Structure formats: structure tokens, C-alpha cells
C-alpha atoms as a PDB file:
ATOM      1  CA  MET A   1     -20.823 -13.179  -7.851  1.00  0.00           C
ATOM      2  CA  PHE A   2     -21.333 -15.177  -4.694  1.00  0.00           C
ATOM      3  CA  THR A   3     -20.004 -13.722  -1.469  1.00  0.00           C
ATOM      4  CA  LYS A   4     -19.165 -15.006   1.972  1.00  0.00           C
ATOM      5  CA  VAL A   5     -19.181 -13.087   5.229  1.00  0.00           C
ATOM      6  CA  LEU A   6     -15.902 -13.207   7.136  1.00  0.00           C
ATOM      7  CA  THR A   7     -15.632 -12.072  10.724  1.00  0.00           C
ATOM      8  CA  ALA A   8     -12.450 -10.815  12.320  1.00  0.00           C
ATOM      9  CA  HIS A   9     -11.592  -9.130  15.569  1.00  0.00           C
ATOM     10  CA  VAL A  10      -9.311  -6.163  14.945  1.00  0.00           C
ATOM     11  CA  PRO A  11      -7.708  -3.768  17.403  1.00  0.00           C
ATOM     12  CA  LEU A  12      -9.760  -0.625  17.968  1.00  0.00           C
ATOM     13  CA  PRO A  13      -7.094   1.736  16.583  1.00  0.00           C
ATOM     14  CA  LEU A  14      -7.066  -0.234  13.302  1.00  0.00           C
ATOM     15  CA  ALA A  15     -10.866  -0.256  13.118  1.00  0.00           C
ATOM     16  CA  GLU A  16     -10.889   3.498  13.682  1.00  0.00           C
ATOM     17  CA  LYS A  17      -8.400   4.006  10.866  1.00  0.00           C
ATOM     18  CA  VAL A  18     -10.572   1.911   8.551  1.00  0.00           C
ATOM     19  CA  ASP A  19     -13.589   4.017   9.515  1.00  0.00           C
ATOM     20  CA  GLN A  20     -11.641   7.236   8.854  1.00  0.00           C
ATOM     21  CA  ILE A  21     -10.510   6.012   5.447  1.00  0.00           C
ATOM     22  CA  ALA A  22     -14.040   4.924   4.565  1.00  0.00           C
ATOM     23  CA  ALA A  23     -15.429   8.321   5.530  1.00  0.00           C
ATOM     24  CA  ARG A  24     -12.710  10.188   3.644  1.00  0.00           C
ATOM     25  CA  MET A  25     -13.286   8.092   0.524  1.00  0.00           C
ATOM     26  CA  GLU A  26     -17.072   8.133   0.941  1.00  0.00           C
ATOM     27  CA  ARG A  27     -17.106   4.350   0.802  1.00  0.00           C
ATOM     28  CA  SER A  28     -18.394   1.710   3.159  1.00  0.00           C
ATOM     29  CA  ARG A  29     -16.196   0.052   5.759  1.00  0.00           C
ATOM     30  CA  GLY A  30     -16.808  -3.254   3.974  1.00  0.00           C
ATOM     31  CA  TRP A  31     -15.539  -1.821   0.674  1.00  0.00           C
ATOM     32  CA  VAL A  32     -12.329  -0.588   2.329  1.00  0.00           C
ATOM     33  CA  VAL A  33     -11.738  -3.933   4.043  1.00  0.00           C
ATOM     34  CA  LYS A  34     -12.414  -5.822   0.805  1.00  0.00           C
ATOM     35  CA  GLN A  35      -9.898  -3.647  -1.090  1.00  0.00           C
ATOM     36  CA  ALA A  36      -7.267  -4.082   1.621  1.00  0.00           C
ATOM     37  CA  LEU A  37      -7.782  -7.839   1.845  1.00  0.00           C
ATOM     38  CA  SER A  38      -7.644  -8.212  -1.922  1.00  0.00           C
ATOM     39  CA  ALA A  39      -4.362  -6.259  -2.091  1.00  0.00           C
ATOM     40  CA  TRP A  40      -2.879  -8.362   0.726  1.00  0.00           C
ATOM     41  CA  VAL A  41      -3.889 -11.639  -0.935  1.00  0.00           C
ATOM     42  CA  ASP A  42      -2.347 -10.482  -4.224  1.00  0.00           C
ATOM     43  CA  GLN A  43       0.861  -9.545  -2.374  1.00  0.00           C
ATOM     44  CA  GLU A  44       1.057 -12.912  -0.617  1.00  0.00           C
ATOM     45  CA  GLU A  45       0.451 -14.804  -3.859  1.00  0.00           C
ATOM     46  CA  GLU A  46       3.263 -12.839  -5.532  1.00  0.00           C
ATOM     47  CA  ARG A  47       5.554 -13.482  -2.561  1.00  0.00           C
ATOM     48  CA  ARG A  48       4.867 -17.235  -2.854  1.00  0.00           C
ATOM     49  CA  ARG A  49       5.463 -17.201  -6.613  1.00  0.00           C
ATOM     50  CA  MET A  50       8.780 -15.404  -6.149  1.00  0.00           C
ATOM     51  CA  THR A  51       9.817 -17.783  -3.360  1.00  0.00           C
ATOM     52  CA  LEU A  52       9.111 -20.837  -5.517  1.00  0.00           C
ATOM     53  CA  GLU A  53      11.012 -19.225  -8.394  1.00  0.00           C
ATOM     54  CA  ALA A  54      13.993 -18.534  -6.123  1.00  0.00           C
ATOM     55  CA  MET A  55      13.953 -22.093  -4.800  1.00  0.00           C
ATOM     56  CA  ALA A  56      13.960 -23.409  -8.376  1.00  0.00           C
ATOM     57  CA  ASP A  57      16.968 -21.193  -9.149  1.00  0.00           C
ATOM     58  CA  ILE A  58      18.779 -22.630  -6.133  1.00  0.00           C
ATOM     59  CA  GLU A  59      18.009 -26.201  -7.205  1.00  0.00           C
ATOM     60  CA  ALA A  60      19.307 -25.359 -10.696  1.00  0.00           C
ATOM     61  CA  GLY A  61      22.538 -23.983  -9.227  1.00  0.00           C
ATOM     62  CA  GLN A  62      21.784 -20.432 -10.351  1.00  0.00           C
ATOM     63  CA  VAL A  63      23.139 -18.681  -7.276  1.00  0.00           C
ATOM     64  CA  THR A  64      25.594 -15.914  -6.445  1.00  0.00           C
ATOM     65  CA  ASP A  65      28.150 -16.728  -3.796  1.00  0.00           C
ATOM     66  CA  HIS A  66      28.202 -14.759  -0.565  1.00  0.00           C
ATOM     67  CA  GLN A  67      31.709 -13.427  -1.065  1.00  0.00           C
ATOM     68  CA  SER A  68      30.759 -11.782  -4.379  1.00  0.00           C
ATOM     69  CA  VAL A  69      27.729 -10.121  -2.845  1.00  0.00           C
ATOM     70  CA  GLN A  70      29.697  -8.978   0.188  1.00  0.00           C
ATOM     71  CA  ALA A  71      32.498  -7.509  -1.956  1.00  0.00           C
ATOM     72  CA  TRP A  72      29.920  -5.670  -4.068  1.00  0.00           C
ATOM     73  CA  ALA A  73      28.088  -4.325  -0.993  1.00  0.00           C
ATOM     74  CA  GLU A  74      31.335  -3.142   0.588  1.00  0.00           C
ATOM     75  CA  SER A  75      32.265  -1.332  -2.631  1.00  0.00           C
ATOM     76  CA  LEU A  76      29.092   0.737  -2.608  1.00  0.00           C
ATOM     77  CA  GLY A  77      29.760   4.298  -1.546  1.00  0.00           C
ATOM     78  CA  THR A  78      33.396   4.097  -2.631  1.00  0.00           C
ATOM     79  CA  ASP A  79      35.002   5.871  -5.572  1.00  0.00           C
ATOM     80  CA  LYS A  80      34.951   2.645  -7.614  1.00  0.00           C
ATOM     81  CA  PRO A  81      31.860   0.559  -6.818  1.00  0.00           C
ATOM     82  CA  LEU A  82      31.837  -2.917  -8.306  1.00  0.00           C
ATOM     83  CA  PRO A  83      29.084  -3.937 -10.726  1.00  0.00           C
ATOM     84  CA  ALA A  84      26.279  -5.895  -9.115  1.00  0.00           C
ATOM     85  CA  PRO A  85      27.048  -9.627  -9.117  1.00  0.00           C
ATOM     86  CA  ARG A  86      24.986 -11.832 -11.399  1.00  0.00           C
END
């Protein structure tokens, strides 16, 4: 696998936390940063996928009106909560 060196300036407290985690896990700082960056990229890709899916639902008219959601939310914590709107 080819690799590329990335350089980033991070606040000292964050760098110290990375160093502590690396020491605790007996891994290199680079390994910890690579794991964290990989998890963040996966999270952002999932967020984008979900956003595009939601936008497609909106375009298709598959939405729940605000009043239904508000009535449901206000019913939570009462003796007779409403079912979640669909």
C-alpha cells in the first residue's frame, strides 16, 4: 500500500492526549492518528450519505409535518404518549 505523509498543527493538549493513548495502547503516535482519522473519515462519509438520502426523501415528498412531530414530542412523558410519526 502506498502512503502519504500529512502534516497538521494540533493544540498541545490534544497532542498530549494522543501521546498518552499511544503509550497506554503500546502503539505509535502515527498508528493512533491513523485510526482516529480513518474513523472520522468513515463518519463523515456516512453523514454525507444520510444527508443525500434525506434530501432525496424531501424531493420525493416523504416528509413528516412539523405539527405531527411537535404533538408527538409534547406527548412524551405524559400518561398517553403518541406513537412516533411516520
